[in-house]
mmCIF file of all heavy atoms, coordinates in Angstrom:
data_MODEL
# 
_entry.id   MODEL 
# 
loop_
_atom_site.group_PDB 
_atom_site.id 
_atom_site.type_symbol 
_atom_site.label_atom_id 
_atom_site.label_alt_id 
_atom_site.label_comp_id 
_atom_site.label_asym_id 
_atom_site.label_entity_id 
_atom_site.label_seq_id 
_atom_site.pdbx_PDB_ins_code 
_atom_site.Cartn_x 
_atom_site.Cartn_y 
_atom_site.Cartn_z 
_atom_site.occupancy 
_atom_site.B_iso_or_equiv 
_atom_site.pdbx_formal_charge 
_atom_site.auth_seq_id 
_atom_site.auth_comp_id 
_atom_site.auth_asym_id 
_atom_site.auth_atom_id 
_atom_site.pdbx_PDB_model_num 
ATOM 1   N N   . VAL A 1 1  ? 81.015 65.782 84.768 1.00 0.00 ? 1  VAL A N   1 
ATOM 2   C CA  . VAL A 1 1  ? 81.563 65.550 83.343 1.00 0.00 ? 1  VAL A CA  1 
ATOM 3   C C   . VAL A 1 1  ? 82.370 66.862 83.008 1.00 0.00 ? 1  VAL A C   1 
ATOM 4   O O   . VAL A 1 1  ? 81.740 67.932 83.019 1.00 0.00 ? 1  VAL A O   1 
ATOM 5   C CB  . VAL A 1 1  ? 80.471 65.301 82.325 1.00 0.00 ? 1  VAL A CB  1 
ATOM 6   C CG1 . VAL A 1 1  ? 81.138 65.170 80.909 1.00 0.00 ? 1  VAL A CG1 1 
ATOM 7   C CG2 . VAL A 1 1  ? 79.850 63.859 82.828 1.00 0.00 ? 1  VAL A CG2 1 
ATOM 8   N N   . TYR A 1 2  ? 83.627 66.788 82.589 1.00 0.00 ? 2  TYR A N   1 
ATOM 9   C CA  . TYR A 1 2  ? 84.344 68.051 82.207 1.00 0.00 ? 2  TYR A CA  1 
ATOM 10  C C   . TYR A 1 2  ? 84.524 68.000 80.694 1.00 0.00 ? 2  TYR A C   1 
ATOM 11  O O   . TYR A 1 2  ? 84.764 67.032 80.074 1.00 0.00 ? 2  TYR A O   1 
ATOM 12  C CB  . TYR A 1 2  ? 85.765 67.746 82.819 1.00 0.00 ? 2  TYR A CB  1 
ATOM 13  C CG  . TYR A 1 2  ? 85.712 68.129 84.421 1.00 0.00 ? 2  TYR A CG  1 
ATOM 14  C CD1 . TYR A 1 2  ? 85.107 67.249 85.283 1.00 0.00 ? 2  TYR A CD1 1 
ATOM 15  C CD2 . TYR A 1 2  ? 86.249 69.170 84.793 1.00 0.00 ? 2  TYR A CD2 1 
ATOM 16  C CE1 . TYR A 1 2  ? 85.117 67.492 86.698 1.00 0.00 ? 2  TYR A CE1 1 
ATOM 17  C CE2 . TYR A 1 2  ? 86.219 69.547 86.154 1.00 0.00 ? 2  TYR A CE2 1 
ATOM 18  C CZ  . TYR A 1 2  ? 85.652 68.633 87.111 1.00 0.00 ? 2  TYR A CZ  1 
ATOM 19  O OH  . TYR A 1 2  ? 85.633 68.964 88.398 1.00 0.00 ? 2  TYR A OH  1 
ATOM 20  N N   . TYR A 1 3  ? 84.328 69.242 80.135 1.00 0.00 ? 3  TYR A N   1 
ATOM 21  C CA  . TYR A 1 3  ? 84.325 69.538 78.827 1.00 0.00 ? 3  TYR A CA  1 
ATOM 22  C C   . TYR A 1 3  ? 85.368 70.497 78.450 1.00 0.00 ? 3  TYR A C   1 
ATOM 23  O O   . TYR A 1 3  ? 85.591 71.516 79.222 1.00 0.00 ? 3  TYR A O   1 
ATOM 24  C CB  . TYR A 1 3  ? 83.134 69.987 78.200 1.00 0.00 ? 3  TYR A CB  1 
ATOM 25  C CG  . TYR A 1 3  ? 81.873 69.207 78.521 1.00 0.00 ? 3  TYR A CG  1 
ATOM 26  C CD1 . TYR A 1 3  ? 81.110 69.063 79.607 1.00 0.00 ? 3  TYR A CD1 1 
ATOM 27  C CD2 . TYR A 1 3  ? 81.465 68.204 77.379 1.00 0.00 ? 3  TYR A CD2 1 
ATOM 28  C CE1 . TYR A 1 3  ? 80.084 68.179 79.783 1.00 0.00 ? 3  TYR A CE1 1 
ATOM 29  C CE2 . TYR A 1 3  ? 80.299 67.437 77.635 1.00 0.00 ? 3  TYR A CE2 1 
ATOM 30  C CZ  . TYR A 1 3  ? 79.649 67.376 78.808 1.00 0.00 ? 3  TYR A CZ  1 
ATOM 31  O OH  . TYR A 1 3  ? 78.679 66.572 78.890 1.00 0.00 ? 3  TYR A OH  1 
ATOM 32  N N   . CYS A 1 4  ? 86.148 70.402 77.301 1.00 0.00 ? 4  CYS A N   1 
ATOM 33  C CA  . CYS A 1 4  ? 86.987 71.488 76.914 1.00 0.00 ? 4  CYS A CA  1 
ATOM 34  C C   . CYS A 1 4  ? 86.217 72.138 75.722 1.00 0.00 ? 4  CYS A C   1 
ATOM 35  O O   . CYS A 1 4  ? 85.392 71.553 75.108 1.00 0.00 ? 4  CYS A O   1 
ATOM 36  C CB  . CYS A 1 4  ? 88.342 71.030 76.454 1.00 0.00 ? 4  CYS A CB  1 
ATOM 37  S SG  . CYS A 1 4  ? 88.420 69.840 75.036 1.00 0.00 ? 4  CYS A SG  1 
ATOM 38  N N   . ALA A 1 5  ? 86.474 73.410 75.556 1.00 0.00 ? 5  ALA A N   1 
ATOM 39  C CA  . ALA A 1 5  ? 85.893 74.246 74.638 1.00 0.00 ? 5  ALA A CA  1 
ATOM 40  C C   . ALA A 1 5  ? 86.745 75.219 73.899 1.00 0.00 ? 5  ALA A C   1 
ATOM 41  O O   . ALA A 1 5  ? 87.734 75.743 74.627 1.00 0.00 ? 5  ALA A O   1 
ATOM 42  C CB  . ALA A 1 5  ? 84.575 74.958 75.221 1.00 0.00 ? 5  ALA A CB  1 
ATOM 43  N N   . ALA A 1 6  ? 86.532 75.630 72.673 1.00 0.00 ? 6  ALA A N   1 
ATOM 44  C CA  . ALA A 1 6  ? 87.344 76.547 71.996 1.00 0.00 ? 6  ALA A CA  1 
ATOM 45  C C   . ALA A 1 6  ? 86.418 77.760 71.568 1.00 0.00 ? 6  ALA A C   1 
ATOM 46  O O   . ALA A 1 6  ? 85.356 77.547 71.136 1.00 0.00 ? 6  ALA A O   1 
ATOM 47  C CB  . ALA A 1 6  ? 87.849 75.949 70.739 1.00 0.00 ? 6  ALA A CB  1 
ATOM 48  N N   . LYS A 1 7  ? 86.998 78.889 71.712 1.00 0.00 ? 7  LYS A N   1 
ATOM 49  C CA  . LYS A 1 7  ? 86.370 80.200 71.426 1.00 0.00 ? 7  LYS A CA  1 
ATOM 50  C C   . LYS A 1 7  ? 87.253 80.868 70.245 1.00 0.00 ? 7  LYS A C   1 
ATOM 51  O O   . LYS A 1 7  ? 88.403 81.140 70.610 1.00 0.00 ? 7  LYS A O   1 
ATOM 52  C CB  . LYS A 1 7  ? 86.184 80.988 72.562 1.00 0.00 ? 7  LYS A CB  1 
ATOM 53  C CG  . LYS A 1 7  ? 85.645 82.457 72.177 1.00 0.00 ? 7  LYS A CG  1 
ATOM 54  C CD  . LYS A 1 7  ? 85.676 83.246 73.531 1.00 0.00 ? 7  LYS A CD  1 
ATOM 55  C CE  . LYS A 1 7  ? 85.135 84.654 73.218 1.00 0.00 ? 7  LYS A CE  1 
ATOM 56  N NZ  . LYS A 1 7  ? 86.260 85.393 72.537 1.00 0.00 ? 7  LYS A NZ  1 
ATOM 57  N N   . THR A 1 8  ? 86.629 81.183 69.197 1.00 0.00 ? 8  THR A N   1 
ATOM 58  C CA  . THR A 1 8  ? 87.370 81.918 68.166 1.00 0.00 ? 8  THR A CA  1 
ATOM 59  C C   . THR A 1 8  ? 87.843 83.283 68.609 1.00 0.00 ? 8  THR A C   1 
ATOM 60  O O   . THR A 1 8  ? 87.106 84.047 69.143 1.00 0.00 ? 8  THR A O   1 
ATOM 61  C CB  . THR A 1 8  ? 86.567 82.008 66.846 1.00 0.00 ? 8  THR A CB  1 
ATOM 62  O OG1 . THR A 1 8  ? 86.142 80.666 66.417 1.00 0.00 ? 8  THR A OG1 1 
ATOM 63  C CG2 . THR A 1 8  ? 87.421 82.729 65.782 1.00 0.00 ? 8  THR A CG2 1 
ATOM 64  N N   . GLY A 1 9  ? 89.214 83.499 68.485 1.00 0.00 ? 9  GLY A N   1 
ATOM 65  C CA  . GLY A 1 9  ? 89.707 84.835 68.795 1.00 0.00 ? 9  GLY A CA  1 
ATOM 66  C C   . GLY A 1 9  ? 90.674 84.611 70.050 1.00 0.00 ? 9  GLY A C   1 
ATOM 67  O O   . GLY A 1 9  ? 90.688 83.612 70.595 1.00 0.00 ? 9  GLY A O   1 
ATOM 68  N N   . ALA A 1 10 ? 91.276 85.813 70.410 1.00 0.00 ? 10 ALA A N   1 
ATOM 69  C CA  . ALA A 1 10 ? 92.366 85.719 71.401 1.00 0.00 ? 10 ALA A CA  1 
ATOM 70  C C   . ALA A 1 10 ? 91.800 85.728 72.773 1.00 0.00 ? 10 ALA A C   1 
ATOM 71  O O   . ALA A 1 10 ? 92.434 85.129 73.679 1.00 0.00 ? 10 ALA A O   1 
ATOM 72  C CB  . ALA A 1 10 ? 93.310 86.915 71.200 1.00 0.00 ? 10 ALA A CB  1 
ATOM 73  N N   . PHE A 1 11 ? 90.639 86.380 73.009 1.00 0.00 ? 11 PHE A N   1 
ATOM 74  C CA  . PHE A 1 11 ? 90.177 86.638 74.393 1.00 0.00 ? 11 PHE A CA  1 
ATOM 75  C C   . PHE A 1 11 ? 89.320 85.476 74.897 1.00 0.00 ? 11 PHE A C   1 
ATOM 76  O O   . PHE A 1 11 ? 88.397 85.110 74.158 1.00 0.00 ? 11 PHE A O   1 
ATOM 77  C CB  . PHE A 1 11 ? 89.456 88.047 74.462 1.00 0.00 ? 11 PHE A CB  1 
ATOM 78  C CG  . PHE A 1 11 ? 90.334 89.225 74.161 1.00 0.00 ? 11 PHE A CG  1 
ATOM 79  C CD1 . PHE A 1 11 ? 90.182 89.771 73.043 1.00 0.00 ? 11 PHE A CD1 1 
ATOM 80  C CD2 . PHE A 1 11 ? 91.277 89.604 75.047 1.00 0.00 ? 11 PHE A CD2 1 
ATOM 81  C CE1 . PHE A 1 11 ? 91.021 90.968 72.795 1.00 0.00 ? 11 PHE A CE1 1 
ATOM 82  C CE2 . PHE A 1 11 ? 92.089 90.658 74.911 1.00 0.00 ? 11 PHE A CE2 1 
ATOM 83  C CZ  . PHE A 1 11 ? 92.001 91.377 73.826 1.00 0.00 ? 11 PHE A CZ  1 
ATOM 84  N N   . ALA A 1 12 ? 89.474 85.146 76.111 1.00 0.00 ? 12 ALA A N   1 
ATOM 85  C CA  . ALA A 1 12 ? 88.749 84.011 76.720 1.00 0.00 ? 12 ALA A CA  1 
ATOM 86  C C   . ALA A 1 12 ? 87.534 84.594 77.340 1.00 0.00 ? 12 ALA A C   1 
ATOM 87  O O   . ALA A 1 12 ? 87.337 85.788 77.544 1.00 0.00 ? 12 ALA A O   1 
ATOM 88  C CB  . ALA A 1 12 ? 89.590 83.402 77.879 1.00 0.00 ? 12 ALA A CB  1 
ATOM 89  N N   . SER A 1 13 ? 86.510 83.683 77.545 1.00 0.00 ? 13 SER A N   1 
ATOM 90  C CA  . SER A 1 13 ? 85.233 84.018 78.149 1.00 0.00 ? 13 SER A CA  1 
ATOM 91  C C   . SER A 1 13 ? 84.777 82.940 79.042 1.00 0.00 ? 13 SER A C   1 
ATOM 92  O O   . SER A 1 13 ? 84.948 81.800 78.786 1.00 0.00 ? 13 SER A O   1 
ATOM 93  C CB  . SER A 1 13 ? 84.202 84.328 76.976 1.00 0.00 ? 13 SER A CB  1 
ATOM 94  O OG  . SER A 1 13 ? 82.945 84.477 77.466 1.00 0.00 ? 13 SER A OG  1 
ATOM 95  N N   . VAL A 1 14 ? 83.929 83.340 80.161 1.00 0.00 ? 14 VAL A N   1 
ATOM 96  C CA  . VAL A 1 14 ? 83.443 82.310 81.095 1.00 0.00 ? 14 VAL A CA  1 
ATOM 97  C C   . VAL A 1 14 ? 82.080 81.873 80.465 1.00 0.00 ? 14 VAL A C   1 
ATOM 98  O O   . VAL A 1 14 ? 81.471 80.869 81.003 1.00 0.00 ? 14 VAL A O   1 
ATOM 99  C CB  . VAL A 1 14 ? 83.223 82.873 82.385 1.00 0.00 ? 14 VAL A CB  1 
ATOM 100 C CG1 . VAL A 1 14 ? 84.697 83.385 83.096 1.00 0.00 ? 14 VAL A CG1 1 
ATOM 101 C CG2 . VAL A 1 14 ? 82.130 83.984 82.518 1.00 0.00 ? 14 VAL A CG2 1 
ATOM 102 N N   . ALA A 1 15 ? 81.529 82.452 79.502 1.00 0.00 ? 15 ALA A N   1 
ATOM 103 C CA  . ALA A 1 15 ? 80.188 82.095 78.941 1.00 0.00 ? 15 ALA A CA  1 
ATOM 104 C C   . ALA A 1 15 ? 80.313 80.923 78.004 1.00 0.00 ? 15 ALA A C   1 
ATOM 105 O O   . ALA A 1 15 ? 80.984 80.971 77.031 1.00 0.00 ? 15 ALA A O   1 
ATOM 106 C CB  . ALA A 1 15 ? 79.649 83.240 78.273 1.00 0.00 ? 15 ALA A CB  1 
ATOM 107 N N   . ALA A 1 16 ? 79.555 79.911 78.396 1.00 0.00 ? 16 ALA A N   1 
ATOM 108 C CA  . ALA A 1 16 ? 79.507 78.723 77.519 1.00 0.00 ? 16 ALA A CA  1 
ATOM 109 C C   . ALA A 1 16 ? 79.055 78.936 76.074 1.00 0.00 ? 16 ALA A C   1 
ATOM 110 O O   . ALA A 1 16 ? 79.519 78.461 75.108 1.00 0.00 ? 16 ALA A O   1 
ATOM 111 C CB  . ALA A 1 16 ? 78.643 77.707 78.113 1.00 0.00 ? 16 ALA A CB  1 
ATOM 112 N N   . SER A 1 17 ? 78.205 80.004 75.921 1.00 0.00 ? 17 SER A N   1 
ATOM 113 C CA  . SER A 1 17 ? 77.611 80.364 74.668 1.00 0.00 ? 17 SER A CA  1 
ATOM 114 C C   . SER A 1 17 ? 78.448 81.026 73.770 1.00 0.00 ? 17 SER A C   1 
ATOM 115 O O   . SER A 1 17 ? 78.364 81.085 72.523 1.00 0.00 ? 17 SER A O   1 
ATOM 116 C CB  . SER A 1 17 ? 76.319 81.229 74.936 1.00 0.00 ? 17 SER A CB  1 
ATOM 117 O OG  . SER A 1 17 ? 76.628 82.467 75.600 1.00 0.00 ? 17 SER A OG  1 
ATOM 118 N N   . SER A 1 18 ? 79.494 81.485 74.361 1.00 0.00 ? 18 SER A N   1 
ATOM 119 C CA  . SER A 1 18 ? 80.581 82.135 73.538 1.00 0.00 ? 18 SER A CA  1 
ATOM 120 C C   . SER A 1 18 ? 81.480 81.188 72.814 1.00 0.00 ? 18 SER A C   1 
ATOM 121 O O   . SER A 1 18 ? 82.457 81.615 71.993 1.00 0.00 ? 18 SER A O   1 
ATOM 122 C CB  . SER A 1 18 ? 81.498 83.095 74.444 1.00 0.00 ? 18 SER A CB  1 
ATOM 123 O OG  . SER A 1 18 ? 80.696 84.152 75.009 1.00 0.00 ? 18 SER A OG  1 
ATOM 124 N N   . HIS A 1 19 ? 81.393 80.030 73.088 1.00 0.00 ? 19 HIS A N   1 
ATOM 125 C CA  . HIS A 1 19 ? 82.366 78.983 72.639 1.00 0.00 ? 19 HIS A CA  1 
ATOM 126 C C   . HIS A 1 19 ? 81.762 78.225 71.290 1.00 0.00 ? 19 HIS A C   1 
ATOM 127 O O   . HIS A 1 19 ? 80.597 77.980 71.229 1.00 0.00 ? 19 HIS A O   1 
ATOM 128 C CB  . HIS A 1 19 ? 82.762 77.902 73.610 1.00 0.00 ? 19 HIS A CB  1 
ATOM 129 C CG  . HIS A 1 19 ? 83.584 78.632 74.757 1.00 0.00 ? 19 HIS A CG  1 
ATOM 130 N ND1 . HIS A 1 19 ? 83.111 79.375 75.711 1.00 0.00 ? 19 HIS A ND1 1 
ATOM 131 C CD2 . HIS A 1 19 ? 84.948 78.605 74.829 1.00 0.00 ? 19 HIS A CD2 1 
ATOM 132 C CE1 . HIS A 1 19 ? 84.039 79.835 76.457 1.00 0.00 ? 19 HIS A CE1 1 
ATOM 133 N NE2 . HIS A 1 19 ? 85.112 79.368 76.021 1.00 0.00 ? 19 HIS A NE2 1 
ATOM 134 N N   . ASP A 1 20 ? 82.583 77.934 70.406 1.00 0.00 ? 20 ASP A N   1 
ATOM 135 C CA  . ASP A 1 20 ? 82.364 77.551 69.090 1.00 0.00 ? 20 ASP A CA  1 
ATOM 136 C C   . ASP A 1 20 ? 82.437 75.930 68.938 1.00 0.00 ? 20 ASP A C   1 
ATOM 137 O O   . ASP A 1 20 ? 81.707 75.455 68.059 1.00 0.00 ? 20 ASP A O   1 
ATOM 138 C CB  . ASP A 1 20 ? 82.975 78.206 67.920 1.00 0.00 ? 20 ASP A CB  1 
ATOM 139 C CG  . ASP A 1 20 ? 82.975 79.756 68.020 1.00 0.00 ? 20 ASP A CG  1 
ATOM 140 O OD1 . ASP A 1 20 ? 81.792 80.284 67.917 1.00 0.00 ? 20 ASP A OD1 1 
ATOM 141 O OD2 . ASP A 1 20 ? 83.920 80.380 68.187 1.00 0.00 ? 20 ASP A OD2 1 
ATOM 142 N N   . PHE A 1 21 ? 83.336 75.389 69.690 1.00 0.00 ? 21 PHE A N   1 
ATOM 143 C CA  . PHE A 1 21 ? 83.653 74.083 69.472 1.00 0.00 ? 21 PHE A CA  1 
ATOM 144 C C   . PHE A 1 21 ? 83.765 73.347 70.760 1.00 0.00 ? 21 PHE A C   1 
ATOM 145 O O   . PHE A 1 21 ? 84.377 73.998 71.688 1.00 0.00 ? 21 PHE A O   1 
ATOM 146 C CB  . PHE A 1 21 ? 84.876 73.793 68.625 1.00 0.00 ? 21 PHE A CB  1 
ATOM 147 C CG  . PHE A 1 21 ? 84.870 74.457 67.371 1.00 0.00 ? 21 PHE A CG  1 
ATOM 148 C CD1 . PHE A 1 21 ? 85.541 75.685 67.176 1.00 0.00 ? 21 PHE A CD1 1 
ATOM 149 C CD2 . PHE A 1 21 ? 84.201 73.908 66.280 1.00 0.00 ? 21 PHE A CD2 1 
ATOM 150 C CE1 . PHE A 1 21 ? 85.342 76.343 66.002 1.00 0.00 ? 21 PHE A CE1 1 
ATOM 151 C CE2 . PHE A 1 21 ? 84.209 74.688 65.044 1.00 0.00 ? 21 PHE A CE2 1 
ATOM 152 C CZ  . PHE A 1 21 ? 84.817 75.773 64.828 1.00 0.00 ? 21 PHE A CZ  1 
ATOM 153 N N   . TRP A 1 22 ? 83.225 72.165 70.951 1.00 0.00 ? 22 TRP A N   1 
ATOM 154 C CA  . TRP A 1 22 ? 83.243 71.389 72.218 1.00 0.00 ? 22 TRP A CA  1 
ATOM 155 C C   . TRP A 1 22 ? 83.710 69.888 72.151 1.00 0.00 ? 22 TRP A C   1 
ATOM 156 O O   . TRP A 1 22 ? 83.545 69.414 71.035 1.00 0.00 ? 22 TRP A O   1 
ATOM 157 C CB  . TRP A 1 22 ? 81.773 71.334 72.796 1.00 0.00 ? 22 TRP A CB  1 
ATOM 158 C CG  . TRP A 1 22 ? 81.320 72.612 73.204 1.00 0.00 ? 22 TRP A CG  1 
ATOM 159 C CD1 . TRP A 1 22 ? 80.725 73.594 72.420 1.00 0.00 ? 22 TRP A CD1 1 
ATOM 160 C CD2 . TRP A 1 22 ? 81.314 73.212 74.542 1.00 0.00 ? 22 TRP A CD2 1 
ATOM 161 N NE1 . TRP A 1 22 ? 80.412 74.763 73.190 1.00 0.00 ? 22 TRP A NE1 1 
ATOM 162 C CE2 . TRP A 1 22 ? 80.777 74.515 74.493 1.00 0.00 ? 22 TRP A CE2 1 
ATOM 163 C CE3 . TRP A 1 22 ? 81.817 72.767 75.827 1.00 0.00 ? 22 TRP A CE3 1 
ATOM 164 C CZ2 . TRP A 1 22 ? 80.586 75.319 75.601 1.00 0.00 ? 22 TRP A CZ2 1 
ATOM 165 C CZ3 . TRP A 1 22 ? 81.634 73.561 76.854 1.00 0.00 ? 22 TRP A CZ3 1 
ATOM 166 C CH2 . TRP A 1 22 ? 81.052 74.829 76.748 1.00 0.00 ? 22 TRP A CH2 1 
ATOM 167 N N   . GLY A 1 23 ? 84.336 69.565 73.062 1.00 0.00 ? 23 GLY A N   1 
ATOM 168 C CA  . GLY A 1 23 ? 84.741 68.037 73.186 1.00 0.00 ? 23 GLY A CA  1 
ATOM 169 C C   . GLY A 1 23 ? 83.543 67.242 73.688 1.00 0.00 ? 23 GLY A C   1 
ATOM 170 O O   . GLY A 1 23 ? 82.480 67.757 74.040 1.00 0.00 ? 23 GLY A O   1 
ATOM 171 N N   . GLN A 1 24 ? 83.803 65.871 73.610 1.00 0.00 ? 24 GLN A N   1 
ATOM 172 C CA  . GLN A 1 24 ? 82.633 64.978 73.991 1.00 0.00 ? 24 GLN A CA  1 
ATOM 173 C C   . GLN A 1 24 ? 82.476 64.804 75.551 1.00 0.00 ? 24 GLN A C   1 
ATOM 174 O O   . GLN A 1 24 ? 81.457 64.312 76.024 1.00 0.00 ? 24 GLN A O   1 
ATOM 175 C CB  . GLN A 1 24 ? 82.961 63.630 73.409 1.00 0.00 ? 24 GLN A CB  1 
ATOM 176 C CG  . GLN A 1 24 ? 83.923 62.767 74.218 1.00 0.00 ? 24 GLN A CG  1 
ATOM 177 C CD  . GLN A 1 24 ? 85.394 63.069 74.162 1.00 0.00 ? 24 GLN A CD  1 
ATOM 178 O OE1 . GLN A 1 24 ? 85.714 64.030 73.507 1.00 0.00 ? 24 GLN A OE1 1 
ATOM 179 N NE2 . GLN A 1 24 ? 86.138 62.476 74.970 1.00 0.00 ? 24 GLN A NE2 1 
ATOM 180 N N   . GLY A 1 25 ? 83.439 65.387 76.414 1.00 0.00 ? 25 GLY A N   1 
ATOM 181 C CA  . GLY A 1 25 ? 83.248 65.287 77.753 1.00 0.00 ? 25 GLY A CA  1 
ATOM 182 C C   . GLY A 1 25 ? 84.029 64.055 78.436 1.00 0.00 ? 25 GLY A C   1 
ATOM 183 O O   . GLY A 1 25 ? 84.137 62.984 77.713 1.00 0.00 ? 25 GLY A O   1 
ATOM 184 N N   . THR A 1 26 ? 84.528 64.131 79.532 1.00 0.00 ? 26 THR A N   1 
ATOM 185 C CA  . THR A 1 26 ? 85.129 63.129 80.183 1.00 0.00 ? 26 THR A CA  1 
ATOM 186 C C   . THR A 1 26 ? 84.669 63.082 81.720 1.00 0.00 ? 26 THR A C   1 
ATOM 187 O O   . THR A 1 26 ? 84.644 64.116 82.363 1.00 0.00 ? 26 THR A O   1 
ATOM 188 C CB  . THR A 1 26 ? 86.709 63.066 80.137 1.00 0.00 ? 26 THR A CB  1 
ATOM 189 O OG1 . THR A 1 26 ? 87.338 61.945 80.690 1.00 0.00 ? 26 THR A OG1 1 
ATOM 190 C CG2 . THR A 1 26 ? 87.348 64.301 80.696 1.00 0.00 ? 26 THR A CG2 1 
ATOM 191 N N   . GLN A 1 27 ? 84.367 61.927 82.273 1.00 0.00 ? 27 GLN A N   1 
ATOM 192 C CA  . GLN A 1 27 ? 83.852 61.898 83.588 1.00 0.00 ? 27 GLN A CA  1 
ATOM 193 C C   . GLN A 1 27 ? 84.900 61.819 84.641 1.00 0.00 ? 27 GLN A C   1 
ATOM 194 O O   . GLN A 1 27 ? 85.932 61.131 84.577 1.00 0.00 ? 27 GLN A O   1 
ATOM 195 C CB  . GLN A 1 27 ? 83.074 60.569 83.784 1.00 0.00 ? 27 GLN A CB  1 
ATOM 196 C CG  . GLN A 1 27 ? 82.442 60.266 85.261 1.00 0.00 ? 27 GLN A CG  1 
ATOM 197 C CD  . GLN A 1 27 ? 81.363 61.274 85.526 1.00 0.00 ? 27 GLN A CD  1 
ATOM 198 O OE1 . GLN A 1 27 ? 80.453 61.412 84.756 1.00 0.00 ? 27 GLN A OE1 1 
ATOM 199 N NE2 . GLN A 1 27 ? 81.416 61.860 86.713 1.00 0.00 ? 27 GLN A NE2 1 
ATOM 200 N N   . VAL A 1 28 ? 84.830 62.702 85.779 1.00 0.00 ? 28 VAL A N   1 
ATOM 201 C CA  . VAL A 1 28 ? 85.666 62.733 86.839 1.00 0.00 ? 28 VAL A CA  1 
ATOM 202 C C   . VAL A 1 28 ? 84.774 62.385 88.131 1.00 0.00 ? 28 VAL A C   1 
ATOM 203 O O   . VAL A 1 28 ? 83.792 63.115 88.301 1.00 0.00 ? 28 VAL A O   1 
ATOM 204 C CB  . VAL A 1 28 ? 86.269 64.048 86.994 1.00 0.00 ? 28 VAL A CB  1 
ATOM 205 C CG1 . VAL A 1 28 ? 87.050 64.133 88.381 1.00 0.00 ? 28 VAL A CG1 1 
ATOM 206 C CG2 . VAL A 1 28 ? 87.281 64.314 85.833 1.00 0.00 ? 28 VAL A CG2 1 
ATOM 207 N N   . THR A 1 29 ? 85.156 61.338 88.798 1.00 0.00 ? 29 THR A N   1 
ATOM 208 C CA  . THR A 1 29 ? 84.436 61.012 90.039 1.00 0.00 ? 29 THR A CA  1 
ATOM 209 C C   . THR A 1 29 ? 85.386 60.966 91.229 1.00 0.00 ? 29 THR A C   1 
ATOM 210 O O   . THR A 1 29 ? 86.371 60.361 91.188 1.00 0.00 ? 29 THR A O   1 
ATOM 211 C CB  . THR A 1 29 ? 83.813 59.617 89.808 1.00 0.00 ? 29 THR A CB  1 
ATOM 212 O OG1 . THR A 1 29 ? 82.935 59.655 88.702 1.00 0.00 ? 29 THR A OG1 1 
ATOM 213 C CG2 . THR A 1 29 ? 82.959 59.171 91.057 1.00 0.00 ? 29 THR A CG2 1 
# 
């Protein structure tokens, strides 16, 4: 299941916990 996420601010992060908003997910098989 693939999710998009948004993190406040300009710099990206690999940490899921750094992200403030998440989509519902979409299945890839």
